[in-house]
Amino acid sequence: MHSSIEDFEMPNDEQVHLAAESFRLLADPTRIKVLWALLQGESSVACLAELAGAAPAAVSQHLAKLRLAGLVKGRREGTFVYYSAADHHVQRLLDQALFHADHVDRDLPADAHPADAHPA
């Protein structure tokens, strides 16, 4: 069946593993809030904790995992670490996830324009 699709190619095992790991790490509401905040600009753990409504220690643990997965990066300044999203891929990934969630939540038709379904 798929052999009839021109140029069909499955992603390699490493790509699948890394994508699954990224999705696994994004399967947490606090991490999504933290990433969303970081997409707006660089931030400290204390500020992110306040924005996400979580304890600084918990946010620090989430950031460590997100950093290991390559979704965020840190910059040390004295005794403080300032975090930011790793690259534009993180924004596209989160934008699509939130767009899909809003699409499902509002039961929009499949052909709804993205402007009609952007998260409020």
PDB file of N, CA and C in Angstrom:
ATOM      1  N   MET A   1       0.817  -1.188   0.000  1.00  0.00           N
ATOM      2  CA  MET A   1       0.000   0.000   0.000  1.00  0.00           C
ATOM      3  C   MET A   1       0.870   1.265   0.000  1.00  0.00           C
ATOM      4  N   HIS A   2       1.728   1.434   0.994  1.00  0.00           N
ATOM      5  CA  HIS A   2       2.568   2.625   1.046  1.00  0.00           C
ATOM      6  C   HIS A   2       3.651   2.618  -0.023  1.00  0.00           C
ATOM      7  N   SER A   3       3.952   1.436  -0.550  1.00  0.00           N
ATOM      8  CA  SER A   3       4.964   1.373  -1.598  1.00  0.00           C
ATOM      9  C   SER A   3       4.501   2.097  -2.855  1.00  0.00           C
ATOM     10  N   SER A   4       3.208   2.347  -2.973  1.00  0.00           N
ATOM     11  CA  SER A   4       2.696   3.072  -4.133  1.00  0.00           C
ATOM     12  C   SER A   4       2.787   4.594  -3.962  1.00  0.00           C
ATOM     13  N   ILE A   5       3.145   5.052  -2.769  1.00  0.00           N
ATOM     14  CA  ILE A   5       3.283   6.481  -2.519  1.00  0.00           C
ATOM     15  C   ILE A   5       4.693   6.899  -2.908  1.00  0.00           C
ATOM     16  N   GLU A   6       4.780   7.784  -3.876  1.00  0.00           N
ATOM     17  CA  GLU A   6       6.072   8.234  -4.362  1.00  0.00           C
ATOM     18  C   GLU A   6       6.848   8.944  -3.257  1.00  0.00           C
ATOM     19  N   ASP A   7       8.111   8.616  -3.114  1.00  0.00           N
ATOM     20  CA  ASP A   7       9.027   9.230  -2.142  1.00  0.00           C
ATOM     21  C   ASP A   7       8.631   8.998  -0.686  1.00  0.00           C
ATOM     22  N   PHE A   8       7.791   7.966  -0.417  1.00  0.00           N
ATOM     23  CA  PHE A   8       7.436   7.675   0.981  1.00  0.00           C
ATOM     24  C   PHE A   8       8.665   7.123   1.692  1.00  0.00           C
ATOM     25  N   GLU A   9       8.941   7.681   2.856  1.00  0.00           N
ATOM     26  CA  GLU A   9      10.072   7.225   3.649  1.00  0.00           C
ATOM     27  C   GLU A   9       9.758   7.394   5.127  1.00  0.00           C
ATOM     28  N   MET A  10       9.933   6.350   5.891  1.00  0.00           N
ATOM     29  CA  MET A  10       9.726   6.423   7.339  1.00  0.00           C
ATOM     30  C   MET A  10      10.905   7.157   7.974  1.00  0.00           C
ATOM     31  N   PRO A  11      10.663   7.912   9.061  1.00  0.00           N
ATOM     32  CA  PRO A  11      11.793   8.530   9.769  1.00  0.00           C
ATOM     33  C   PRO A  11      12.651   7.436  10.396  1.00  0.00           C
ATOM     34  N   ASN A  12      13.934   7.733  10.589  1.00  0.00           N
ATOM     35  CA  ASN A  12      14.801   6.704  11.169  1.00  0.00           C
ATOM     36  C   ASN A  12      14.519   6.557  12.664  1.00  0.00           C
ATOM     37  N   ASP A  13      15.021   5.485  13.245  1.00  0.00           N
ATOM     38  CA  ASP A  13      14.742   5.172  14.654  1.00  0.00           C
ATOM     39  C   ASP A  13      15.204   6.272  15.609  1.00  0.00           C
ATOM     40  N   GLU A  14      16.346   6.885  15.331  1.00  0.00           N
ATOM     41  CA  GLU A  14      16.846   7.949  16.204  1.00  0.00           C
ATOM     42  C   GLU A  14      15.917   9.165  16.168  1.00  0.00           C
ATOM     43  N   GLN A  15      15.438   9.547  14.982  1.00  0.00           N
ATOM     44  CA  GLN A  15      14.502  10.660  14.870  1.00  0.00           C
ATOM     45  C   GLN A  15      13.216  10.360  15.643  1.00  0.00           C
ATOM     46  N   VAL A  16      12.701   9.164  15.500  1.00  0.00           N
ATOM     47  CA  VAL A  16      11.472   8.773  16.187  1.00  0.00           C
ATOM     48  C   VAL A  16      11.682   8.810  17.697  1.00  0.00           C
ATOM     49  N   HIS A  17      12.816   8.285  18.156  1.00  0.00           N
ATOM     50  CA  HIS A  17      13.103   8.274  19.589  1.00  0.00           C
ATOM     51  C   HIS A  17      13.190   9.698  20.147  1.00  0.00           C
ATOM     52  N   LEU A  18      13.917  10.576  19.462  1.00  0.00           N
ATOM     53  CA  LEU A  18      14.075  11.943  19.937  1.00  0.00           C
ATOM     54  C   LEU A  18      12.757  12.722  19.906  1.00  0.00           C
ATOM     55  N   ALA A  19      11.949  12.502  18.882  1.00  0.00           N
ATOM     56  CA  ALA A  19      10.646  13.164  18.809  1.00  0.00           C
ATOM     57  C   ALA A  19       9.747  12.680  19.948  1.00  0.00           C
ATOM     58  N   ALA A  20       9.747  11.381  20.193  1.00  0.00           N
ATOM     59  CA  ALA A  20       8.933  10.829  21.277  1.00  0.00           C
ATOM     60  C   ALA A  20       9.378  11.380  22.630  1.00  0.00           C
ATOM     61  N   GLU A  21      10.677  11.537  22.812  1.00  0.00           N
ATOM     62  CA  GLU A  21      11.193  12.089  24.067  1.00  0.00           C
ATOM     63  C   GLU A  21      10.757  13.544  24.234  1.00  0.00           C
ATOM     64  N   SER A  22      10.787  14.319  23.150  1.00  0.00           N
ATOM     65  CA  SER A  22      10.317  15.708  23.222  1.00  0.00           C
ATOM     66  C   SER A  22       8.844  15.755  23.594  1.00  0.00           C
ATOM     67  N   PHE A  23       8.030  14.921  22.967  1.00  0.00           N
ATOM     68  CA  PHE A  23       6.602  14.891  23.289  1.00  0.00           C
ATOM     69  C   PHE A  23       6.379  14.447  24.728  1.00  0.00           C
ATOM     70  N   ARG A  24       7.169  13.487  25.198  1.00  0.00           N
ATOM     71  CA  ARG A  24       7.035  13.014  26.577  1.00  0.00           C
ATOM     72  C   ARG A  24       7.308  14.164  27.551  1.00  0.00           C
ATOM     73  N   LEU A  25       8.340  14.942  27.268  1.00  0.00           N
ATOM     74  CA  LEU A  25       8.679  16.053  28.147  1.00  0.00           C
ATOM     75  C   LEU A  25       7.664  17.185  28.070  1.00  0.00           C
ATOM     76  N   LEU A  26       6.981  17.313  26.952  1.00  0.00           N
ATOM     77  CA  LEU A  26       5.961  18.351  26.819  1.00  0.00           C
ATOM     78  C   LEU A  26       4.615  17.917  27.390  1.00  0.00           C
ATOM     79  N   ALA A  27       4.527  16.700  27.867  1.00  0.00           N
ATOM     80  CA  ALA A  27       3.271  16.176  28.402  1.00  0.00           C
ATOM     81  C   ALA A  27       3.081  16.570  29.864  1.00  0.00           C
ATOM     82  N   ASP A  28       3.385  17.821  30.178  1.00  0.00           N
ATOM     83  CA  ASP A  28       3.240  18.325  31.535  1.00  0.00           C
ATOM     84  C   ASP A  28       2.817  19.790  31.451  1.00  0.00           C
ATOM     85  N   PRO A  29       1.693  20.154  32.071  1.00  0.00           N
ATOM     86  CA  PRO A  29       1.207  21.532  31.978  1.00  0.00           C
ATOM     87  C   PRO A  29       2.206  22.592  32.457  1.00  0.00           C
ATOM     88  N   THR A  30       2.948  22.303  33.515  1.00  0.00           N
ATOM     89  CA  THR A  30       3.921  23.278  34.006  1.00  0.00           C
ATOM     90  C   THR A  30       5.019  23.501  32.973  1.00  0.00           C
ATOM     91  N   ARG A  31       5.487  22.437  32.344  1.00  0.00           N
ATOM     92  CA  ARG A  31       6.542  22.587  31.331  1.00  0.00           C
ATOM     93  C   ARG A  31       6.036  23.387  30.138  1.00  0.00           C
ATOM     94  N   ILE A  32       4.790  23.185  29.760  1.00  0.00           N
ATOM     95  CA  ILE A  32       4.226  23.960  28.648  1.00  0.00           C
ATOM     96  C   ILE A  32       4.164  25.436  29.027  1.00  0.00           C
ATOM     97  N   LYS A  33       3.729  25.742  30.240  1.00  0.00           N
ATOM     98  CA  LYS A  33       3.691  27.138  30.689  1.00  0.00           C
ATOM     99  C   LYS A  33       5.087  27.745  30.719  1.00  0.00           C
ATOM    100  N   VAL A  34       6.048  27.003  31.225  1.00  0.00           N
ATOM    101  CA  VAL A  34       7.428  27.479  31.294  1.00  0.00           C
ATOM    102  C   VAL A  34       7.961  27.756  29.892  1.00  0.00           C
ATOM    103  N   LEU A  35       7.750  26.821  28.983  1.00  0.00           N
ATOM    104  CA  LEU A  35       8.214  27.023  27.609  1.00  0.00           C
ATOM    105  C   LEU A  35       7.531  28.216  26.960  1.00  0.00           C
ATOM    106  N   TRP A  36       6.226  28.356  27.183  1.00  0.00           N
ATOM    107  CA  TRP A  36       5.497  29.492  26.606  1.00  0.00           C
ATOM    108  C   TRP A  36       6.099  30.814  27.112  1.00  0.00           C
ATOM    109  N   ALA A  37       6.378  30.865  28.410  1.00  0.00           N
ATOM    110  CA  ALA A  37       6.978  32.066  28.980  1.00  0.00           C
ATOM    111  C   ALA A  37       8.358  32.322  28.373  1.00  0.00           C
ATOM    112  N   LEU A  38       9.132  31.271  28.185  1.00  0.00           N
ATOM    113  CA  LEU A  38      10.470  31.425  27.622  1.00  0.00           C
ATOM    114  C   LEU A  38      10.434  31.853  26.159  1.00  0.00           C
ATOM    115  N   LEU A  39       9.362  31.526  25.471  1.00  0.00           N
ATOM    116  CA  LEU A  39       9.230  31.966  24.075  1.00  0.00           C
ATOM    117  C   LEU A  39       8.988  33.471  23.995  1.00  0.00           C
ATOM    118  N   GLN A  40       8.580  34.070  25.114  1.00  0.00           N
ATOM    119  CA  GLN A  40       8.370  35.516  25.152  1.00  0.00           C
ATOM    120  C   GLN A  40       9.668  36.253  25.488  1.00  0.00           C
ATOM    121  N   GLY A  41      10.650  35.509  26.010  1.00  0.00           N
ATOM    122  CA  GLY A  41      11.939  36.108  26.336  1.00  0.00           C
ATOM    123  C   GLY A  41      12.646  35.366  27.449  1.00  0.00           C
ATOM    124  N   GLU A  42      13.900  35.671  27.603  1.00  0.00           N
ATOM    125  CA  GLU A  42      14.747  35.057  28.620  1.00  0.00           C
ATOM    126  C   GLU A  42      14.191  35.324  30.017  1.00  0.00           C
ATOM    127  N   SER A  43      14.363  34.346  30.924  1.00  0.00           N
ATOM    128  CA  SER A  43      13.798  34.500  32.254  1.00  0.00           C
ATOM    129  C   SER A  43      14.573  33.678  33.276  1.00  0.00           C
ATOM    130  N   SER A  44      14.394  34.059  34.543  1.00  0.00           N
ATOM    131  CA  SER A  44      15.002  33.329  35.661  1.00  0.00           C
ATOM    132  C   SER A  44      14.018  32.292  36.205  1.00  0.00           C
ATOM    133  N   VAL A  45      14.537  31.398  37.022  1.00  0.00           N
ATOM    134  CA  VAL A  45      13.692  30.376  37.646  1.00  0.00           C
ATOM    135  C   VAL A  45      12.600  31.028  38.493  1.00  0.00           C
ATOM    136  N   ALA A  46      12.952  32.030  39.271  1.00  0.00           N
ATOM    137  CA  ALA A  46      11.969  32.679  40.155  1.00  0.00           C
ATOM    138  C   ALA A  46      10.822  33.287  39.350  1.00  0.00           C
ATOM    139  N   CYS A  47      11.150  33.964  38.281  1.00  0.00           N
ATOM    140  CA  CYS A  47      10.119  34.583  37.447  1.00  0.00           C
ATOM    141  C   CYS A  47       9.253  33.509  36.780  1.00  0.00           C
ATOM    142  N   LEU A  48       9.889  32.470  36.279  1.00  0.00           N
ATOM    143  CA  LEU A  48       9.146  31.381  35.632  1.00  0.00           C
ATOM    144  C   LEU A  48       8.231  30.686  36.627  1.00  0.00           C
ATOM    145  N   ALA A  49       8.703  30.512  37.854  1.00  0.00           N
ATOM    146  CA  ALA A  49       7.888  29.871  38.893  1.00  0.00           C
ATOM    147  C   ALA A  49       6.633  30.692  39.154  1.00  0.00           C
ATOM    148  N   GLU A  50       6.796  32.001  39.227  1.00  0.00           N
ATOM    149  CA  GLU A  50       5.645  32.871  39.451  1.00  0.00           C
ATOM    150  C   GLU A  50       4.664  32.788  38.276  1.00  0.00           C
ATOM    151  N   LEU A  51       5.186  32.853  37.068  1.00  0.00           N
ATOM    152  CA  LEU A  51       4.326  32.799  35.880  1.00  0.00           C
ATOM    153  C   LEU A  51       3.592  31.460  35.752  1.00  0.00           C
ATOM    154  N   ALA A  52       4.281  30.371  36.091  1.00  0.00           N
ATOM    155  CA  ALA A  52       3.699  29.035  35.952  1.00  0.00           C
ATOM    156  C   ALA A  52       2.873  28.627  37.161  1.00  0.00           C
ATOM    157  N   GLY A  53       2.950  29.397  38.244  1.00  0.00           N
ATOM    158  CA  GLY A  53       2.216  29.038  39.452  1.00  0.00           C
ATOM    159  C   GLY A  53       2.753  27.777  40.100  1.00  0.00           C
ATOM    160  N   ALA A  54       4.077  27.669  40.118  1.00  0.00           N
ATOM    161  CA  ALA A  54       4.719  26.470  40.667  1.00  0.00           C
ATOM    162  C   ALA A  54       5.868  26.893  41.578  1.00  0.00           C
ATOM    163  N   ALA A  55       6.334  25.977  42.388  1.00  0.00           N
ATOM    164  CA  ALA A  55       7.454  26.241  43.287  1.00  0.00           C
ATOM    165  C   ALA A  55       8.746  26.363  42.473  1.00  0.00           C
ATOM    166  N   PRO A  56       9.633  27.275  42.867  1.00  0.00           N
ATOM    167  CA  PRO A  56      10.899  27.420  42.151  1.00  0.00           C
ATOM    168  C   PRO A  56      11.690  26.112  42.033  1.00  0.00           C
ATOM    169  N   ALA A  57      11.686  25.303  43.080  1.00  0.00           N
ATOM    170  CA  ALA A  57      12.417  24.030  43.026  1.00  0.00           C
ATOM    171  C   ALA A  57      11.837  23.110  41.949  1.00  0.00           C
ATOM    172  N   ALA A  58      10.515  23.091  41.824  1.00  0.00           N
ATOM    173  CA  ALA A  58       9.880  22.261  40.805  1.00  0.00           C
ATOM    174  C   ALA A  58      10.200  22.781  39.411  1.00  0.00           C
ATOM    175  N   VAL A  59      10.152  24.094  39.235  1.00  0.00           N
ATOM    176  CA  VAL A  59      10.465  24.694  37.936  1.00  0.00           C
ATOM    177  C   VAL A  59      11.923  24.409  37.572  1.00  0.00           C
ATOM    178  N   SER A  60      12.813  24.479  38.543  1.00  0.00           N
ATOM    179  CA  SER A  60      14.219  24.176  38.304  1.00  0.00           C
ATOM    180  C   SER A  60      14.397  22.744  37.798  1.00  0.00           C
ATOM    181  N   GLN A  61      13.670  21.812  38.390  1.00  0.00           N
ATOM    182  CA  GLN A  61      13.730  20.414  37.944  1.00  0.00           C
ATOM    183  C   GLN A  61      13.185  20.274  36.524  1.00  0.00           C
ATOM    184  N   HIS A  62      12.081  20.936  36.239  1.00  0.00           N
ATOM    185  CA  HIS A  62      11.511  20.899  34.882  1.00  0.00           C
ATOM    186  C   HIS A  62      12.507  21.470  33.877  1.00  0.00           C
ATOM    187  N   LEU A  63      13.134  22.593  34.216  1.00  0.00           N
ATOM    188  CA  LEU A  63      14.108  23.210  33.316  1.00  0.00           C
ATOM    189  C   LEU A  63      15.302  22.296  33.059  1.00  0.00           C
ATOM    190  N   ALA A  64      15.741  21.581  34.068  1.00  0.00           N
ATOM    191  CA  ALA A  64      16.866  20.660  33.892  1.00  0.00           C
ATOM    192  C   ALA A  64      16.523  19.594  32.857  1.00  0.00           C
ATOM    193  N   LYS A  65      15.318  19.065  32.944  1.00  0.00           N
ATOM    194  CA  LYS A  65      14.891  18.042  31.983  1.00  0.00           C
ATOM    195  C   LYS A  65      14.737  18.627  30.586  1.00  0.00           C
ATOM    196  N   LEU A  66      14.142  19.808  30.500  1.00  0.00           N
ATOM    197  CA  LEU A  66      13.961  20.458  29.201  1.00  0.00           C
ATOM    198  C   LEU A  66      15.313  20.816  28.582  1.00  0.00           C
ATOM    199  N   ARG A  67      16.269  21.183  29.402  1.00  0.00           N
ATOM    200  CA  ARG A  67      17.613  21.505  28.901  1.00  0.00           C
ATOM    201  C   ARG A  67      18.295  20.259  28.355  1.00  0.00           C
ATOM    202  N   LEU A  68      18.187  19.144  29.081  1.00  0.00           N
ATOM    203  CA  LEU A  68      18.792  17.896  28.618  1.00  0.00           C
ATOM    204  C   LEU A  68      18.188  17.431  27.291  1.00  0.00           C
ATOM    205  N   ALA A  69      16.925  17.748  27.080  1.00  0.00           N
ATOM    206  CA  ALA A  69      16.252  17.363  25.837  1.00  0.00           C
ATOM    207  C   ALA A  69      16.520  18.356  24.706  1.00  0.00           C
ATOM    208  N   GLY A  70      17.251  19.430  25.006  1.00  0.00           N
ATOM    209  CA  GLY A  70      17.567  20.407  23.982  1.00  0.00           C
ATOM    210  C   GLY A  70      16.439  21.369  23.663  1.00  0.00           C
ATOM    211  N   LEU A  71      15.452  21.488  24.569  1.00  0.00           N
ATOM    212  CA  LEU A  71      14.324  22.386  24.336  1.00  0.00           C
ATOM    213  C   LEU A  71      14.549  23.781  24.915  1.00  0.00           C
ATOM    214  N   VAL A  72      15.406  23.875  25.931  1.00  0.00           N
ATOM    215  CA  VAL A  72      15.761  25.185  26.501  1.00  0.00           C
ATOM    216  C   VAL A  72      17.277  25.249  26.655  1.00  0.00           C
ATOM    217  N   LYS A  73      17.773  26.472  26.812  1.00  0.00           N
ATOM    218  CA  LYS A  73      19.200  26.671  27.075  1.00  0.00           C
ATOM    219  C   LYS A  73      19.333  27.676  28.210  1.00  0.00           C
ATOM    220  N   GLY A  74      20.433  27.598  28.911  1.00  0.00           N
ATOM    221  CA  GLY A  74      20.668  28.487  30.030  1.00  0.00           C
ATOM    222  C   GLY A  74      21.901  29.340  29.818  1.00  0.00           C
ATOM    223  N   ARG A  75      21.877  30.532  30.408  1.00  0.00           N
ATOM    224  CA  ARG A  75      23.008  31.451  30.353  1.00  0.00           C
ATOM    225  C   ARG A  75      23.288  31.915  31.777  1.00  0.00           C
ATOM    226  N   ARG A  76      24.499  31.648  32.239  1.00  0.00           N
ATOM    227  CA  ARG A  76      24.870  32.006  33.608  1.00  0.00           C
ATOM    228  C   ARG A  76      25.367  33.450  33.649  1.00  0.00           C
ATOM    229  N   GLU A  77      24.862  34.174  34.658  1.00  0.00           N
ATOM    230  CA  GLU A  77      25.326  35.535  34.916  1.00  0.00           C
ATOM    231  C   GLU A  77      25.517  35.659  36.417  1.00  0.00           C
ATOM    232  N   GLY A  78      26.758  35.570  36.859  1.00  0.00           N
ATOM    233  CA  GLY A  78      27.040  35.556  38.290  1.00  0.00           C
ATOM    234  C   GLY A  78      26.469  34.291  38.910  1.00  0.00           C
ATOM    235  N   THR A  79      25.612  34.472  39.920  1.00  0.00           N
ATOM    236  CA  THR A  79      25.001  33.310  40.580  1.00  0.00           C
ATOM    237  C   THR A  79      23.645  32.953  39.972  1.00  0.00           C
ATOM    238  N   PHE A  80      23.199  33.725  38.991  1.00  0.00           N
ATOM    239  CA  PHE A  80      21.894  33.478  38.370  1.00  0.00           C
ATOM    240  C   PHE A  80      22.043  32.774  37.033  1.00  0.00           C
ATOM    241  N   VAL A  81      21.030  31.974  36.689  1.00  0.00           N
ATOM    242  CA  VAL A  81      20.953  31.360  35.371  1.00  0.00           C
ATOM    243  C   VAL A  81      19.690  31.888  34.717  1.00  0.00           C
ATOM    244  N   TYR A  82      19.832  32.372  33.510  1.00  0.00           N
ATOM    245  CA  TYR A  82      18.697  32.861  32.730  1.00  0.00           C
ATOM    246  C   TYR A  82      18.432  31.880  31.602  1.00  0.00           C
ATOM    247  N   TYR A  83      17.187  31.475  31.484  1.00  0.00           N
ATOM    248  CA  TYR A  83      16.802  30.464  30.516  1.00  0.00           C
ATOM    249  C   TYR A  83      16.088  31.081  29.324  1.00  0.00           C
ATOM    250  N   SER A  84      16.182  30.391  28.190  1.00  0.00           N
ATOM    251  CA  SER A  84      15.460  30.783  26.987  1.00  0.00           C
ATOM    252  C   SER A  84      15.132  29.525  26.198  1.00  0.00           C
ATOM    253  N   ALA A  85      14.183  29.649  25.284  1.00  0.00           N
ATOM    254  CA  ALA A  85      13.862  28.534  24.396  1.00  0.00           C
ATOM    255  C   ALA A  85      15.087  28.256  23.530  1.00  0.00           C
ATOM    256  N   ALA A  86      15.309  27.001  23.214  1.00  0.00           N
ATOM    257  CA  ALA A  86      16.523  26.613  22.490  1.00  0.00           C
ATOM    258  C   ALA A  86      16.590  27.199  21.088  1.00  0.00           C
ATOM    259  N   ASP A  87      15.468  27.202  20.365  1.00  0.00           N
ATOM    260  CA  ASP A  87      15.471  27.700  18.989  1.00  0.00           C
ATOM    261  C   ASP A  87      14.042  27.871  18.493  1.00  0.00           C
ATOM    262  N   HIS A  88      13.900  28.277  17.240  1.00  0.00           N
ATOM    263  CA  HIS A  88      12.566  28.525  16.678  1.00  0.00           C
ATOM    264  C   HIS A  88      11.739  27.247  16.523  1.00  0.00           C
ATOM    265  N   HIS A  89      12.391  26.088  16.510  1.00  0.00           N
ATOM    266  CA  HIS A  89      11.648  24.831  16.414  1.00  0.00           C
ATOM    267  C   HIS A  89      10.750  24.626  17.627  1.00  0.00           C
ATOM    268  N   VAL A  90      11.224  25.044  18.785  1.00  0.00           N
ATOM    269  CA  VAL A  90      10.436  24.913  20.011  1.00  0.00           C
ATOM    270  C   VAL A  90       9.161  25.745  19.888  1.00  0.00           C
ATOM    271  N   GLN A  91       9.291  26.944  19.360  1.00  0.00           N
ATOM    272  CA  GLN A  91       8.104  27.788  19.189  1.00  0.00           C
ATOM    273  C   GLN A  91       7.116  27.151  18.221  1.00  0.00           C
ATOM    274  N   ARG A  92       7.607  26.630  17.115  1.00  0.00           N
ATOM    275  CA  ARG A  92       6.710  26.003  16.137  1.00  0.00           C
ATOM    276  C   ARG A  92       6.023  24.781  16.734  1.00  0.00           C
ATOM    277  N   LEU A  93       6.762  23.991  17.493  1.00  0.00           N
ATOM    278  CA  LEU A  93       6.202  22.798  18.124  1.00  0.00           C
ATOM    279  C   LEU A  93       5.107  23.172  19.114  1.00  0.00           C
ATOM    280  N   LEU A  94       5.380  24.149  19.958  1.00  0.00           N
ATOM    281  CA  LEU A  94       4.401  24.573  20.966  1.00  0.00           C
ATOM    282  C   LEU A  94       3.208  25.269  20.317  1.00  0.00           C
ATOM    283  N   ASP A  95       3.466  26.111  19.316  1.00  0.00           N
ATOM    284  CA  ASP A  95       2.370  26.764  18.593  1.00  0.00           C
ATOM    285  C   ASP A  95       1.418  25.735  18.003  1.00  0.00           C
ATOM    286  N   GLN A  96       1.961  24.708  17.375  1.00  0.00           N
ATOM    287  CA  GLN A  96       1.121  23.678  16.762  1.00  0.00           C
ATOM    288  C   GLN A  96       0.341  22.888  17.811  1.00  0.00           C
ATOM    289  N   ALA A  97       0.985  22.565  18.917  1.00  0.00           N
ATOM    290  CA  ALA A  97       0.299  21.821  19.980  1.00  0.00           C
ATOM    291  C   ALA A  97      -0.853  22.635  20.556  1.00  0.00           C
ATOM    292  N   LEU A  98      -0.614  23.930  20.812  1.00  0.00           N
ATOM    293  CA  LEU A  98      -1.660  24.782  21.365  1.00  0.00           C
ATOM    294  C   LEU A  98      -2.755  25.062  20.337  1.00  0.00           C
ATOM    295  N   PHE A  99      -2.375  25.203  19.081  1.00  0.00           N
ATOM    296  CA  PHE A  99      -3.362  25.383  18.015  1.00  0.00           C
ATOM    297  C   PHE A  99      -4.270  24.158  17.941  1.00  0.00           C
ATOM    298  N   HIS A 100      -3.660  22.979  17.976  1.00  0.00           N
ATOM    299  CA  HIS A 100      -4.445  21.748  17.920  1.00  0.00           C
ATOM    300  C   HIS A 100      -5.377  21.631  19.137  1.00  0.00           C
ATOM    301  N   ALA A 101      -4.864  21.948  20.316  1.00  0.00           N
ATOM    302  CA  ALA A 101      -5.682  21.881  21.532  1.00  0.00           C
ATOM    303  C   ALA A 101      -6.871  22.830  21.437  1.00  0.00           C
ATOM    304  N   ASP A 102      -6.634  24.041  20.958  1.00  0.00           N
ATOM    305  CA  ASP A 102      -7.712  25.015  20.813  1.00  0.00           C
ATOM    306  C   ASP A 102      -8.709  24.547  19.765  1.00  0.00           C
ATOM    307  N   HIS A 103      -8.212  23.973  18.697  1.00  0.00           N
ATOM    308  CA  HIS A 103      -9.046  23.461  17.609  1.00  0.00           C
ATOM    309  C   HIS A 103     -10.004  22.376  18.142  1.00  0.00           C
ATOM    310  N   VAL A 104      -9.444  21.463  18.914  1.00  0.00           N
ATOM    311  CA  VAL A 104     -10.247  20.376  19.497  1.00  0.00           C
ATOM    312  C   VAL A 104     -11.212  20.932  20.542  1.00  0.00           C
ATOM    313  N   ASP A 105     -10.718  21.831  21.392  1.00  0.00           N
ATOM    314  CA  ASP A 105     -11.528  22.394  22.477  1.00  0.00           C
ATOM    315  C   ASP A 105     -12.752  23.127  21.935  1.00  0.00           C
ATOM    316  N   ARG A 106     -12.568  23.872  20.863  1.00  0.00           N
ATOM    317  CA  ARG A 106     -13.671  24.660  20.307  1.00  0.00           C
ATOM    318  C   ARG A 106     -14.421  23.927  19.203  1.00  0.00           C
ATOM    319  N   ASP A 107     -14.056  22.674  18.956  1.00  0.00           N
ATOM    320  CA  ASP A 107     -14.719  21.833  17.959  1.00  0.00           C
ATOM    321  C   ASP A 107     -14.815  22.542  16.603  1.00  0.00           C
ATOM    322  N   LEU A 108     -13.687  23.091  16.173  1.00  0.00           N
ATOM    323  CA  LEU A 108     -13.643  23.805  14.904  1.00  0.00           C
ATOM    324  C   LEU A 108     -13.554  22.829  13.740  1.00  0.00           C
ATOM    325  N   PRO A 109     -14.097  23.193  12.591  1.00  0.00           N
ATOM    326  CA  PRO A 109     -14.001  22.311  11.429  1.00  0.00           C
ATOM    327  C   PRO A 109     -12.547  22.136  10.995  1.00  0.00           C
ATOM    328  N   ALA A 110     -12.269  21.049  10.318  1.00  0.00           N
ATOM    329  CA  ALA A 110     -10.906  20.709   9.924  1.00  0.00           C
ATOM    330  C   ALA A 110     -10.264  21.782   9.060  1.00  0.00           C
ATOM    331  N   ASP A 111     -11.047  22.504   8.292  1.00  0.00           N
ATOM    332  CA  ASP A 111     -10.476  23.508   7.399  1.00  0.00           C
ATOM    333  C   ASP A 111     -10.488  24.918   7.991  1.00  0.00           C
ATOM    334  N   ALA A 112     -10.687  25.041   9.322  1.00  0.00           N
ATOM    335  CA  ALA A 112     -10.702  26.358   9.964  1.00  0.00           C
ATOM    336  C   ALA A 112      -9.348  27.025   9.789  1.00  0.00           C
ATOM    337  N   HIS A 113      -9.374  28.307   9.502  1.00  0.00           N
ATOM    338  CA  HIS A 113      -8.154  29.080   9.308  1.00  0.00           C
ATOM    339  C   HIS A 113      -7.447  29.250  10.660  1.00  0.00           C
ATOM    340  N   PRO A 114      -6.105  29.194  10.680  1.00  0.00           N
ATOM    341  CA  PRO A 114      -5.386  29.361  11.942  1.00  0.00           C
ATOM    342  C   PRO A 114      -5.766  30.622  12.717  1.00  0.00           C
ATOM    343  N   ALA A 115      -6.081  31.708  12.041  1.00  0.00           N
ATOM    344  CA  ALA A 115      -6.469  32.942  12.748  1.00  0.00           C
ATOM    345  C   ALA A 115      -7.779  32.752  13.500  1.00  0.00           C
ATOM    346  N   ASP A 116      -8.625  31.836  13.023  1.00  0.00           N
ATOM    347  CA  ASP A 116      -9.899  31.563  13.688  1.00  0.00           C
ATOM    348  C   ASP A 116      -9.726  30.718  14.940  1.00  0.00           C
ATOM    349  N   ALA A 117      -8.565  30.063  15.064  1.00  0.00           N
ATOM    350  CA  ALA A 117      -8.396  29.112  16.147  1.00  0.00           C
ATOM    351  C   ALA A 117      -7.179  29.398  17.018  1.00  0.00           C
ATOM    352  N   HIS A 118      -6.614  30.594  16.934  1.00  0.00           N
ATOM    353  CA  HIS A 118      -5.445  30.903  17.743  1.00  0.00           C
ATOM    354  C   HIS A 118      -5.847  30.971  19.216  1.00  0.00           C
ATOM    355  N   PRO A 119      -5.025  30.358  20.102  1.00  0.00           N
ATOM    356  CA  PRO A 119      -5.358  30.389  21.537  1.00  0.00           C
ATOM    357  C   PRO A 119      -5.544  31.820  22.037  1.00  0.00           C
ATOM    358  N   ALA A 120      -6.541  31.994  22.870  1.00  0.00           N
ATOM    359  CA  ALA A 120      -6.828  33.324  23.399  1.00  0.00           C
ATOM    360  C   ALA A 120      -5.945  33.653  24.573  1.00  0.00           C
TER     361      ALA A 120
END
